N, C-alpha and C. Protein backbone atom coordinates (compact mmCIF):
# COMPACT_ATOMS: atom_id res chain seq x y z
N MET A 1 0.84 -1.18 0.00
CA MET A 1 0.00 0.00 0.00
C MET A 1 0.88 1.24 0.00
N ALA A 2 0.49 2.24 -0.78
CA ALA A 2 1.27 3.48 -0.88
C ALA A 2 1.21 4.26 0.43
N LYS A 3 2.31 4.89 0.79
CA LYS A 3 2.35 5.71 1.99
C LYS A 3 1.64 7.02 1.71
N THR A 4 0.81 7.43 2.63
CA THR A 4 0.17 8.73 2.54
C THR A 4 0.77 9.63 3.62
N PHE A 5 0.41 10.88 3.60
CA PHE A 5 0.93 11.83 4.56
C PHE A 5 0.24 11.67 5.92
N ASP A 6 0.92 12.08 6.98
CA ASP A 6 0.36 12.01 8.33
C ASP A 6 -0.83 12.96 8.44
N LYS A 7 -1.80 12.56 9.22
CA LYS A 7 -2.97 13.39 9.48
C LYS A 7 -2.70 14.27 10.70
N GLY A 8 -3.37 15.42 10.74
CA GLY A 8 -3.25 16.30 11.89
C GLY A 8 -1.99 17.14 11.92
N VAL A 9 -1.31 17.25 10.77
CA VAL A 9 -0.12 18.10 10.69
C VAL A 9 -0.32 19.10 9.54
N VAL A 10 0.33 20.25 9.64
CA VAL A 10 0.25 21.26 8.60
C VAL A 10 1.12 20.83 7.43
N LEU A 11 0.56 20.92 6.22
CA LEU A 11 1.28 20.51 5.01
C LEU A 11 1.45 21.70 4.07
N ASN A 12 2.64 21.84 3.53
CA ASN A 12 2.91 22.84 2.49
C ASN A 12 3.13 22.05 1.20
N PHE A 13 2.07 21.92 0.40
CA PHE A 13 2.13 21.05 -0.78
C PHE A 13 3.21 21.48 -1.77
N ASP A 14 3.44 22.78 -1.91
CA ASP A 14 4.46 23.25 -2.85
C ASP A 14 5.83 22.70 -2.46
N ALA A 15 6.10 22.65 -1.17
CA ALA A 15 7.41 22.19 -0.69
C ALA A 15 7.52 20.67 -0.62
N LEU A 16 6.39 19.96 -0.72
CA LEU A 16 6.40 18.50 -0.52
C LEU A 16 6.62 17.70 -1.80
N VAL A 17 6.68 18.36 -2.93
CA VAL A 17 6.97 17.65 -4.18
C VAL A 17 7.96 18.47 -4.99
N ASP A 18 9.02 17.81 -5.46
CA ASP A 18 10.03 18.46 -6.28
C ASP A 18 9.77 18.18 -7.74
N TYR A 19 10.38 18.97 -8.58
CA TYR A 19 10.33 18.72 -10.02
C TYR A 19 11.40 17.69 -10.38
N SER A 20 11.13 16.91 -11.41
CA SER A 20 12.08 15.93 -11.93
C SER A 20 12.32 16.26 -13.39
N ALA A 21 13.58 16.39 -13.79
CA ALA A 21 13.90 16.76 -15.17
C ALA A 21 13.23 15.80 -16.15
N ASP A 22 12.48 16.37 -17.08
CA ASP A 22 11.76 15.60 -18.11
C ASP A 22 10.82 14.56 -17.52
N GLY A 23 10.29 14.81 -16.32
CA GLY A 23 9.47 13.78 -15.69
C GLY A 23 8.24 14.31 -14.99
N VAL A 24 7.53 13.34 -14.42
CA VAL A 24 6.33 13.59 -13.63
C VAL A 24 6.52 12.89 -12.29
N VAL A 25 6.20 13.59 -11.21
CA VAL A 25 6.29 13.02 -9.87
C VAL A 25 4.89 13.04 -9.26
N SER A 26 4.50 11.95 -8.61
CA SER A 26 3.21 11.92 -7.92
C SER A 26 3.41 11.36 -6.52
N LYS A 27 2.66 11.95 -5.56
CA LYS A 27 2.69 11.49 -4.18
C LYS A 27 1.25 11.43 -3.68
N GLN A 28 0.85 10.28 -3.20
CA GLN A 28 -0.50 10.12 -2.70
C GLN A 28 -0.61 10.78 -1.32
N VAL A 29 -1.56 11.69 -1.19
CA VAL A 29 -1.77 12.41 0.06
C VAL A 29 -2.75 11.66 0.95
N LEU A 30 -3.86 11.22 0.36
CA LEU A 30 -4.91 10.58 1.12
C LEU A 30 -5.69 9.66 0.19
N LYS A 31 -6.09 8.50 0.70
CA LYS A 31 -6.89 7.58 -0.09
C LYS A 31 -7.85 6.84 0.83
N ASN A 32 -9.13 6.80 0.40
CA ASN A 32 -10.11 5.99 1.11
C ASN A 32 -11.21 5.60 0.13
N ASP A 33 -12.28 4.99 0.62
CA ASP A 33 -13.33 4.50 -0.27
C ASP A 33 -14.04 5.60 -1.04
N ALA A 34 -14.00 6.84 -0.56
CA ALA A 34 -14.67 7.96 -1.23
C ALA A 34 -13.87 8.52 -2.40
N GLY A 35 -12.56 8.28 -2.41
CA GLY A 35 -11.71 8.81 -3.48
C GLY A 35 -10.28 8.94 -3.01
N ASN A 36 -9.56 9.84 -3.65
CA ASN A 36 -8.16 10.05 -3.28
C ASN A 36 -7.70 11.44 -3.63
N ILE A 37 -6.60 11.85 -2.98
CA ILE A 37 -5.97 13.14 -3.23
C ILE A 37 -4.50 12.84 -3.53
N THR A 38 -4.03 13.39 -4.66
CA THR A 38 -2.66 13.14 -5.09
C THR A 38 -1.98 14.45 -5.46
N LEU A 39 -0.74 14.59 -5.04
CA LEU A 39 0.09 15.74 -5.34
C LEU A 39 0.98 15.39 -6.53
N PHE A 40 1.03 16.28 -7.53
CA PHE A 40 1.82 16.03 -8.74
C PHE A 40 2.75 17.19 -9.04
N SER A 41 3.87 16.89 -9.69
CA SER A 41 4.69 17.89 -10.36
C SER A 41 5.00 17.38 -11.76
N PHE A 42 5.01 18.31 -12.71
CA PHE A 42 5.30 18.00 -14.10
C PHE A 42 6.38 18.95 -14.59
N ASP A 43 7.41 18.41 -15.22
CA ASP A 43 8.39 19.28 -15.86
C ASP A 43 7.74 19.88 -17.11
N LYS A 44 8.30 20.96 -17.61
CA LYS A 44 7.77 21.62 -18.82
C LYS A 44 7.61 20.60 -19.94
N GLU A 45 6.47 20.67 -20.60
CA GLU A 45 6.10 19.83 -21.75
C GLU A 45 5.79 18.37 -21.38
N GLN A 46 5.69 18.07 -20.09
CA GLN A 46 5.24 16.75 -19.66
C GLN A 46 3.74 16.82 -19.43
N GLY A 47 3.08 15.68 -19.37
CA GLY A 47 1.65 15.72 -19.15
C GLY A 47 1.03 14.35 -19.01
N LEU A 48 -0.29 14.34 -19.11
CA LEU A 48 -1.08 13.12 -19.08
C LEU A 48 -1.86 13.06 -20.38
N THR A 49 -1.73 11.96 -21.09
CA THR A 49 -2.46 11.81 -22.35
C THR A 49 -3.95 11.69 -22.09
N GLU A 50 -4.72 11.88 -23.13
CA GLU A 50 -6.18 11.85 -22.99
C GLU A 50 -6.64 10.52 -22.39
N HIS A 51 -7.52 10.64 -21.41
CA HIS A 51 -8.07 9.47 -20.73
C HIS A 51 -9.40 9.86 -20.09
N THR A 52 -10.10 8.89 -19.54
CA THR A 52 -11.30 9.16 -18.77
C THR A 52 -11.13 8.56 -17.38
N SER A 53 -11.98 8.99 -16.47
CA SER A 53 -11.96 8.48 -15.11
C SER A 53 -13.40 8.40 -14.61
N PRO A 54 -13.71 7.41 -13.79
CA PRO A 54 -15.06 7.32 -13.24
C PRO A 54 -15.30 8.30 -12.09
N TYR A 55 -14.29 9.12 -11.76
CA TYR A 55 -14.38 10.08 -10.67
C TYR A 55 -14.53 11.50 -11.21
N ASP A 56 -15.29 12.36 -10.51
CA ASP A 56 -15.16 13.80 -10.71
C ASP A 56 -13.83 14.17 -10.08
N ALA A 57 -13.11 15.12 -10.70
CA ALA A 57 -11.79 15.46 -10.20
C ALA A 57 -11.59 16.97 -10.16
N LEU A 58 -11.06 17.45 -9.06
CA LEU A 58 -10.72 18.86 -8.90
C LEU A 58 -9.22 19.01 -9.04
N VAL A 59 -8.80 19.79 -10.02
CA VAL A 59 -7.39 20.12 -10.20
C VAL A 59 -7.17 21.49 -9.57
N SER A 60 -6.31 21.56 -8.55
CA SER A 60 -5.94 22.82 -7.91
C SER A 60 -4.48 23.09 -8.23
N VAL A 61 -4.22 24.15 -8.97
CA VAL A 61 -2.86 24.46 -9.42
C VAL A 61 -2.10 25.16 -8.30
N ILE A 62 -0.95 24.62 -7.96
CA ILE A 62 -0.11 25.15 -6.89
C ILE A 62 0.98 26.05 -7.45
N ASP A 63 1.54 25.65 -8.60
CA ASP A 63 2.65 26.39 -9.19
C ASP A 63 2.62 26.19 -10.70
N GLY A 64 2.99 27.20 -11.45
CA GLY A 64 3.14 27.06 -12.89
C GLY A 64 1.84 27.20 -13.67
N VAL A 65 1.90 26.71 -14.92
CA VAL A 65 0.78 26.83 -15.85
C VAL A 65 0.64 25.53 -16.62
N ALA A 66 -0.62 25.10 -16.81
CA ALA A 66 -0.89 23.90 -17.60
C ALA A 66 -2.06 24.17 -18.54
N GLU A 67 -2.03 23.45 -19.64
CA GLU A 67 -3.18 23.43 -20.55
C GLU A 67 -3.95 22.15 -20.23
N ILE A 68 -5.20 22.31 -19.85
CA ILE A 68 -6.04 21.17 -19.52
C ILE A 68 -7.18 21.11 -20.52
N ALA A 69 -7.25 20.00 -21.22
CA ALA A 69 -8.30 19.80 -22.23
C ALA A 69 -9.39 18.92 -21.64
N ILE A 70 -10.62 19.39 -21.78
CA ILE A 70 -11.79 18.60 -21.39
C ILE A 70 -12.62 18.44 -22.66
N LYS A 71 -12.72 17.20 -23.10
CA LYS A 71 -13.34 16.91 -24.40
C LYS A 71 -12.56 17.67 -25.45
N ASP A 72 -13.17 18.61 -26.16
CA ASP A 72 -12.47 19.36 -27.21
C ASP A 72 -12.15 20.79 -26.79
N GLU A 73 -12.35 21.13 -25.52
CA GLU A 73 -12.12 22.50 -25.07
C GLU A 73 -10.86 22.57 -24.22
N LYS A 74 -9.96 23.51 -24.58
CA LYS A 74 -8.70 23.67 -23.86
C LYS A 74 -8.78 24.86 -22.91
N HIS A 75 -8.20 24.68 -21.72
CA HIS A 75 -8.20 25.72 -20.68
C HIS A 75 -6.76 25.94 -20.21
N LEU A 76 -6.35 27.18 -20.11
CA LEU A 76 -5.06 27.52 -19.54
C LEU A 76 -5.30 27.79 -18.05
N VAL A 77 -4.68 26.99 -17.20
CA VAL A 77 -4.92 27.07 -15.76
C VAL A 77 -3.58 27.35 -15.07
N LYS A 78 -3.58 28.36 -14.19
CA LYS A 78 -2.32 28.77 -13.57
C LYS A 78 -2.41 28.73 -12.05
N ALA A 79 -1.27 28.96 -11.41
CA ALA A 79 -1.18 28.92 -9.94
C ALA A 79 -2.30 29.74 -9.32
N GLY A 80 -2.96 29.14 -8.33
CA GLY A 80 -4.06 29.79 -7.64
C GLY A 80 -5.42 29.51 -8.25
N GLU A 81 -5.45 28.85 -9.40
CA GLU A 81 -6.71 28.54 -10.07
C GLU A 81 -7.00 27.05 -9.99
N SER A 82 -8.27 26.71 -10.21
CA SER A 82 -8.71 25.32 -10.18
C SER A 82 -9.69 25.07 -11.30
N ILE A 83 -9.85 23.79 -11.65
CA ILE A 83 -10.83 23.39 -12.65
C ILE A 83 -11.37 22.01 -12.27
N ILE A 84 -12.64 21.79 -12.53
CA ILE A 84 -13.26 20.50 -12.23
C ILE A 84 -13.35 19.69 -13.51
N LEU A 85 -12.84 18.47 -13.46
CA LEU A 85 -12.91 17.53 -14.58
C LEU A 85 -14.08 16.60 -14.32
N PRO A 86 -15.09 16.60 -15.19
CA PRO A 86 -16.24 15.73 -14.95
C PRO A 86 -15.92 14.26 -15.20
N ALA A 87 -16.53 13.40 -14.42
CA ALA A 87 -16.35 11.95 -14.57
C ALA A 87 -16.76 11.51 -15.96
N ASN A 88 -16.04 10.52 -16.48
CA ASN A 88 -16.36 9.83 -17.74
C ASN A 88 -16.28 10.71 -18.98
N ILE A 89 -15.64 11.87 -18.88
CA ILE A 89 -15.44 12.76 -20.02
C ILE A 89 -13.93 12.77 -20.32
N PRO A 90 -13.52 12.58 -21.58
CA PRO A 90 -12.09 12.58 -21.90
C PRO A 90 -11.42 13.90 -21.51
N HIS A 91 -10.23 13.78 -20.94
CA HIS A 91 -9.45 14.95 -20.57
C HIS A 91 -7.96 14.63 -20.67
N ALA A 92 -7.16 15.69 -20.79
CA ALA A 92 -5.71 15.55 -20.91
C ALA A 92 -5.06 16.78 -20.28
N LEU A 93 -3.75 16.69 -20.04
CA LEU A 93 -3.03 17.77 -19.37
C LEU A 93 -1.65 17.90 -19.99
N LEU A 94 -1.21 19.15 -20.21
CA LEU A 94 0.13 19.43 -20.72
C LEU A 94 0.70 20.59 -19.93
N ALA A 95 1.90 20.41 -19.36
CA ALA A 95 2.57 21.49 -18.62
C ALA A 95 3.16 22.49 -19.62
N ILE A 96 2.66 23.71 -19.60
CA ILE A 96 3.19 24.78 -20.44
C ILE A 96 4.53 25.25 -19.88
N GLU A 97 4.62 25.25 -18.58
CA GLU A 97 5.88 25.47 -17.86
C GLU A 97 5.85 24.49 -16.69
N LYS A 98 6.93 24.43 -15.91
CA LYS A 98 6.90 23.54 -14.74
C LYS A 98 5.61 23.79 -13.99
N PHE A 99 5.01 22.72 -13.50
CA PHE A 99 3.64 22.79 -13.01
C PHE A 99 3.44 21.82 -11.85
N LYS A 100 2.80 22.30 -10.77
CA LYS A 100 2.43 21.45 -9.65
C LYS A 100 0.93 21.56 -9.42
N MET A 101 0.31 20.43 -9.08
CA MET A 101 -1.13 20.45 -8.82
C MET A 101 -1.47 19.46 -7.73
N LEU A 102 -2.61 19.73 -7.11
CA LEU A 102 -3.23 18.81 -6.17
C LEU A 102 -4.48 18.30 -6.86
N LEU A 103 -4.58 16.99 -7.03
CA LEU A 103 -5.72 16.37 -7.71
C LEU A 103 -6.58 15.66 -6.68
N THR A 104 -7.83 16.10 -6.57
CA THR A 104 -8.79 15.50 -5.65
C THR A 104 -9.84 14.77 -6.46
N MET A 105 -9.90 13.45 -6.31
CA MET A 105 -10.84 12.62 -7.07
C MET A 105 -11.90 12.08 -6.11
N ILE A 106 -13.17 12.30 -6.47
CA ILE A 106 -14.29 11.92 -5.61
C ILE A 106 -15.22 10.97 -6.37
N LYS A 107 -15.56 9.85 -5.75
CA LYS A 107 -16.51 8.93 -6.35
C LYS A 107 -17.89 9.57 -6.40
N GLY A 108 -18.56 9.37 -7.53
CA GLY A 108 -19.91 9.94 -7.69
C GLY A 108 -20.98 9.04 -7.14
């Protein structure tokens, strides 16, 4: 089972994940039957190819800028902004510059 972060402590998500040259880093923050929360970092031009998920997902941008496509519509999302990805709808992500996000996935 993946290690998650301790409960009841203050977390600074920006400081808890580093960038990896030409890579993507993910750290599971919390997981239970209702869904999961994962912290990600993406180097510039890294991303997630188009896929679907049975979960509604909230992307909260911590650092940088990403292009997030939902179906055929592209959104530029930057630090301090968030976007909701609807369940079962194709979506993809591309880091326009180094990019960190917190992904919260909730079962419908």
